[in-house]
């Protein structure tokens, strides 16, 4: 079974804030033909966000276990490549192995997906394929499940009334927090020179967009519900009650960890 709905994922998952894009692109300054390696790429939110700021000589490698998600990512990217090239790799992040021994990634990104991964093995792989001065960027902004607004709390309560108190995750079972901080994972890897950036953002949602987003998640995907149409009817009414002129606001923080090999900062 495919865990995520790639159509809803592509349409409703937010991309990167502009300031995050600028931060990432700065890490490629001076690289004539940069290679971006995106792990847990999904339907290409990172690639689509940074693509306009990359030189025409750039190459993108998108890695995800879900081949359907990667197919959607290529469909989304193709009209915007403009001479840039992109390759998809339907494998787990730790299994990524470039075809050419000379391959070197200049920027390795992982957005909203590091918690799903075998993190020490992924970072060991990154150490093998990264250019000497490459940056690893681990980033995320939580989800509507964790966002502490009145409307998101009410929505979470409605989901729990249908599915139980614990947060669903994966094909079955409950979500569990990572055993240790991402900073500790990075500190134990080749990329132990770490800087943290916390970037505030504001998003505007409409009730239909929230419902589409929920369909793309592992905690509220349609097959979990005994009566998904009934849930969506209740959720739509709840969101309309909490909206102002049909808009719901999310004020959050996008956290970006930039990690490099010691002594190899740009």
Protein backbone atom coordinates (compact mmCIF):
# COMPACT_ATOMS: atom_id res chain seq x y z
CA UNK A 1 0.00 0.00 0.00
CA UNK A 2 1.24 3.52 -0.81
CA UNK A 3 1.37 5.45 2.44
CA UNK A 4 0.94 8.95 0.99
CA UNK A 5 -1.46 10.20 -1.68
CA UNK A 6 0.95 11.75 -4.18
CA UNK A 7 -1.72 13.90 -5.89
CA UNK A 8 -2.81 15.57 -2.65
CA UNK A 9 0.80 15.65 -1.42
CA UNK A 10 1.95 17.58 -4.49
CA UNK A 11 -0.96 20.00 -4.40
CA UNK A 12 -1.32 20.73 -0.69
CA UNK A 13 2.04 20.22 1.02
CA UNK A 14 3.67 23.64 1.52
CA UNK A 15 6.98 24.43 -0.14
CA UNK A 16 9.88 26.26 1.48
CA UNK A 17 9.67 29.88 2.66
CA UNK A 18 11.69 32.29 0.54
CA UNK A 19 14.18 32.93 3.35
CA UNK A 20 14.89 29.20 3.63
CA UNK A 21 15.50 29.03 -0.13
CA UNK A 22 17.96 31.93 0.10
CA UNK A 23 19.75 30.21 2.98
CA UNK A 24 20.15 26.98 1.01
CA UNK A 25 21.24 28.64 -2.21
CA UNK A 26 23.93 30.59 -0.33
CA UNK A 27 25.55 27.24 0.43
CA UNK A 28 26.13 26.77 -3.31
CA UNK A 29 27.79 30.12 -3.89
CA UNK A 30 30.75 29.77 -6.22
CA UNK A 31 29.85 26.26 -7.40
CA UNK A 32 29.62 26.42 -11.20
CA UNK A 33 27.53 23.28 -11.78
CA UNK A 34 26.03 22.35 -8.40
CA UNK A 35 24.48 18.99 -7.61
CA UNK A 36 21.57 18.94 -5.15
CA UNK A 37 20.77 15.60 -3.50
CA UNK A 38 17.33 15.66 -1.88
CA UNK A 39 16.52 12.78 0.49
CA UNK A 40 12.93 11.83 1.25
CA UNK A 41 12.03 14.00 -1.72
CA UNK A 42 8.34 13.14 -1.86
CA UNK A 43 6.71 15.00 -4.71
CA UNK A 44 9.56 17.50 -4.99
CA UNK A 45 8.66 20.34 -2.61
CA UNK A 46 12.33 21.17 -1.94
CA UNK A 47 13.39 20.87 -5.58
CA UNK A 48 10.49 23.00 -6.82
CA UNK A 49 11.18 25.67 -4.20
CA UNK A 50 14.89 26.06 -4.93
CA UNK A 51 14.82 25.43 -8.69
CA UNK A 52 14.28 29.07 -9.79
CA UNK A 53 17.34 30.13 -7.78
CA UNK A 54 19.68 27.45 -9.16
CA UNK A 55 21.94 28.05 -12.17
CA UNK A 56 20.99 26.42 -15.48
CA UNK A 57 23.95 24.08 -15.02
CA UNK A 58 22.52 22.51 -11.87
CA UNK A 59 21.62 18.85 -11.47
CA UNK A 60 19.09 17.47 -8.99
CA UNK A 61 18.91 13.93 -7.58
CA UNK A 62 15.64 13.08 -5.84
CA UNK A 63 15.59 10.05 -3.54
CA UNK A 64 12.43 8.46 -2.13
CA UNK A 65 11.23 4.92 -1.55
CA UNK A 66 7.84 5.71 -3.12
CA UNK A 67 8.14 5.50 -6.90
CA UNK A 68 4.68 7.02 -7.38
CA UNK A 69 5.71 10.11 -5.42
CA UNK A 70 8.85 10.48 -7.51
CA UNK A 71 6.83 10.14 -10.72
CA UNK A 72 4.65 13.01 -9.58
CA UNK A 73 7.77 15.00 -8.66
CA UNK A 74 9.18 14.60 -12.17
CA UNK A 75 5.86 15.65 -13.69
CA UNK A 76 5.90 18.78 -11.53
CA UNK A 77 9.55 19.59 -12.24
CA UNK A 78 9.76 19.00 -15.98
CA UNK A 79 8.08 22.25 -17.12
CA UNK A 80 10.43 24.31 -14.93
CA UNK A 81 13.84 22.66 -15.43
CA UNK A 82 14.95 25.10 -18.13
CA UNK A 83 18.11 23.21 -18.98
CA UNK A 84 18.73 21.87 -15.52
CA UNK A 85 18.62 18.09 -15.16
CA UNK A 86 16.87 15.88 -12.62
CA UNK A 87 17.09 12.16 -11.84
CA UNK A 88 14.88 10.18 -9.48
CA UNK A 89 16.02 7.23 -7.38
CA UNK A 90 13.30 4.98 -5.89
CA UNK A 91 15.36 3.67 -2.97
CA UNK A 92 15.67 4.40 0.72
CA UNK A 93 18.01 7.27 1.53
CA UNK A 94 20.72 5.06 3.03
CA UNK A 95 20.70 2.89 -0.11
CA UNK A 96 21.40 5.75 -2.51
CA UNK A 97 24.46 4.90 -4.59
CA UNK A 98 25.48 7.14 -7.50
CA UNK A 99 26.12 5.48 -10.83
CA UNK A 100 29.43 7.34 -11.32
CA UNK A 101 32.30 6.88 -8.82
CA UNK A 102 33.19 10.56 -9.35
CA UNK A 103 29.75 11.75 -8.20
CA UNK A 104 29.78 14.48 -5.55
CA UNK A 105 26.78 16.26 -4.07
CA UNK A 106 27.30 19.92 -3.17
CA UNK A 107 24.15 20.25 -1.07
CA UNK A 108 22.25 17.40 0.59
CA UNK A 109 18.77 18.25 1.86
CA UNK A 110 16.22 16.41 3.95
CA UNK A 111 12.96 18.20 4.72
CA UNK A 112 10.22 16.88 7.01
CA UNK A 113 11.50 13.33 6.50
CA UNK A 114 14.57 12.72 8.68
CA UNK A 115 12.46 11.12 11.44
CA UNK A 116 11.42 8.35 9.02
CA UNK A 117 15.01 7.38 8.24
CA UNK A 118 17.81 5.21 9.58
CA UNK A 119 19.67 8.38 10.40
CA UNK A 120 23.22 7.13 11.17
CA UNK A 121 23.20 5.04 7.97
CA UNK A 122 21.88 8.00 5.95
CA UNK A 123 24.61 10.29 7.28
CA UNK A 124 27.25 7.65 6.56
CA UNK A 125 25.99 7.53 2.97
CA UNK A 126 26.12 11.32 2.83
CA UNK A 127 29.73 11.22 3.97
CA UNK A 128 30.57 8.97 1.04
CA UNK A 129 28.90 11.02 -1.69
CA UNK A 130 29.28 14.62 -0.48
CA UNK A 131 31.82 17.00 -1.95
CA UNK A 132 34.50 18.09 0.56
CA UNK A 133 32.81 21.46 1.19
CA UNK A 134 29.24 20.18 0.91
CA UNK A 135 26.48 21.13 3.34
CA UNK A 136 23.86 18.81 4.78
CA UNK A 137 20.59 20.63 5.51
CA UNK A 138 18.08 18.92 7.82
CA UNK A 139 14.94 21.00 8.12
CA UNK A 140 11.28 21.06 8.98
CA UNK A 141 8.38 22.99 10.40
CA UNK A 142 6.20 20.46 12.20
CA UNK A 143 2.68 19.78 10.99
CA UNK A 144 -0.87 20.88 11.61
CA UNK A 145 -1.02 18.11 14.23
CA UNK A 146 1.66 19.86 16.30
CA UNK A 147 0.81 23.50 15.55
CA UNK A 148 -0.53 25.17 18.76
CA UNK A 149 -3.35 27.32 17.39
CA UNK A 150 -6.98 27.20 18.50
CA UNK A 151 -8.17 25.90 15.15
CA UNK A 152 -5.46 23.24 14.84
CA UNK A 153 -6.10 22.04 18.40
CA UNK A 154 -9.81 21.70 17.60
CA UNK A 155 -9.00 19.85 14.39
CA UNK A 156 -6.62 17.50 16.21
CA UNK A 157 -9.36 16.80 18.75
CA UNK A 158 -11.79 15.91 15.97
CA UNK A 159 -9.27 13.51 14.40
CA UNK A 160 -8.70 11.90 17.80
CA UNK A 161 -12.46 11.48 18.30
CA UNK A 162 -12.45 9.30 15.18
CA UNK A 163 -9.08 7.52 15.44
CA UNK A 164 -8.11 7.55 19.12
CA UNK A 165 -5.76 9.66 21.18
CA UNK A 166 -2.44 8.59 19.71
CA UNK A 167 -1.07 9.97 16.46
CA UNK A 168 -1.11 7.45 13.64
CA UNK A 169 2.08 7.03 11.63
CA UNK A 170 3.45 4.73 8.97
CA UNK A 171 1.45 1.86 7.56
CA UNK A 172 0.27 0.94 11.06
CA UNK A 173 0.88 1.97 14.62
CA UNK A 174 1.62 5.20 16.44
CA UNK A 175 4.11 7.98 15.88
CA UNK A 176 7.04 8.07 18.29
CA UNK A 177 9.44 10.96 18.74
CA UNK A 178 13.01 10.38 17.51
CA UNK A 179 15.16 8.74 20.17
CA UNK A 180 17.60 11.63 20.11
CA UNK A 181 17.92 15.10 18.66
CA UNK A 182 18.90 15.61 15.04
CA UNK A 183 21.78 17.75 16.30
CA UNK A 184 23.15 14.70 18.12
CA UNK A 185 22.81 12.56 14.99
CA UNK A 186 24.76 15.16 13.01
CA UNK A 187 27.36 15.64 15.75
CA UNK A 188 28.14 11.93 15.60
CA UNK A 189 28.63 12.03 11.83
CA UNK A 190 31.21 13.49 9.47
CA UNK A 191 29.10 16.68 9.44
CA UNK A 192 29.64 17.82 13.02
CA UNK A 193 30.03 21.57 12.37
CA UNK A 194 26.39 22.59 12.88
CA UNK A 195 24.55 25.89 12.76
CA UNK A 196 20.85 26.29 13.50
CA UNK A 197 18.57 28.80 11.79
CA UNK A 198 15.03 29.44 13.02
CA UNK A 199 12.96 31.26 10.43
CA UNK A 200 9.45 32.52 11.31
CA UNK A 201 6.73 32.16 8.69
CA UNK A 202 3.03 32.79 8.27
CA UNK A 203 0.78 30.65 6.08
CA UNK A 204 -2.81 31.20 5.05
CA UNK A 205 -5.00 28.11 4.64
CA UNK A 206 -8.53 27.70 3.36
CA UNK A 207 -10.75 24.85 4.62
CA UNK A 208 -10.49 22.94 1.29
CA UNK A 209 -6.69 23.23 1.41
CA UNK A 210 -6.59 21.88 4.97
CA UNK A 211 -8.76 18.92 3.96
CA UNK A 212 -6.48 18.24 0.98
CA UNK A 213 -3.44 18.45 3.23
CA UNK A 214 -4.95 15.98 5.70
CA UNK A 215 -5.50 13.49 2.89
CA UNK A 216 -1.74 13.64 2.23
CA UNK A 217 -0.72 12.81 5.82
CA UNK A 218 -0.11 9.51 7.56
CA UNK A 219 -2.08 10.64 10.62
CA UNK A 220 -5.36 11.49 8.83
CA UNK A 221 -5.26 9.65 5.49
CA UNK A 222 -8.68 8.52 4.27
CA UNK A 223 -8.25 4.75 4.75
CA UNK A 224 -7.85 5.19 8.52
CA UNK A 225 -11.45 6.34 8.94
CA UNK A 226 -14.51 4.13 9.15
CA UNK A 227 -16.49 7.05 7.68
CA UNK A 228 -14.09 9.42 5.94
CA UNK A 229 -16.81 11.46 4.17
CA UNK A 230 -18.48 11.99 7.54
CA UNK A 231 -15.19 13.09 9.09
CA UNK A 232 -14.52 15.55 6.26
CA UNK A 233 -18.02 17.03 6.62
CA UNK A 234 -17.39 17.59 10.34
CA UNK A 235 -13.88 18.95 9.69
CA UNK A 236 -15.15 21.37 7.04
CA UNK A 237 -17.75 22.76 9.42
CA UNK A 238 -15.17 23.08 12.21
CA UNK A 239 -12.71 24.91 9.94
CA UNK A 240 -15.36 27.30 8.68
CA UNK A 241 -16.30 28.16 12.28
CA UNK A 242 -12.69 28.98 13.12
CA UNK A 243 -11.85 30.83 9.90
CA UNK A 244 -11.92 34.56 9.36
CA UNK A 245 -13.43 35.34 5.98
CA UNK A 246 -12.66 31.78 4.95
CA UNK A 247 -8.95 31.95 5.92
CA UNK A 248 -7.06 30.15 8.69
CA UNK A 249 -3.61 31.36 9.73
CA UNK A 250 -0.59 29.31 10.74
CA UNK A 251 2.27 31.19 12.40
CA UNK A 252 5.25 28.91 12.81
CA UNK A 253 9.00 28.51 12.72
CA UNK A 254 10.97 26.70 10.03
CA UNK A 255 14.07 25.17 11.60
CA UNK A 256 17.12 24.55 9.39
CA UNK A 257 20.21 22.71 10.62
CA UNK A 258 23.18 23.31 8.33
CA UNK A 259 25.97 20.80 8.93
CA UNK A 260 29.44 20.66 7.40
CA UNK A 261 32.64 18.77 7.89
CA UNK A 262 34.81 20.59 10.46
CA UNK A 263 37.13 23.07 8.80
CA UNK A 264 35.30 22.88 5.46
CA UNK A 265 32.93 25.85 5.70
CA UNK A 266 32.48 27.87 2.53
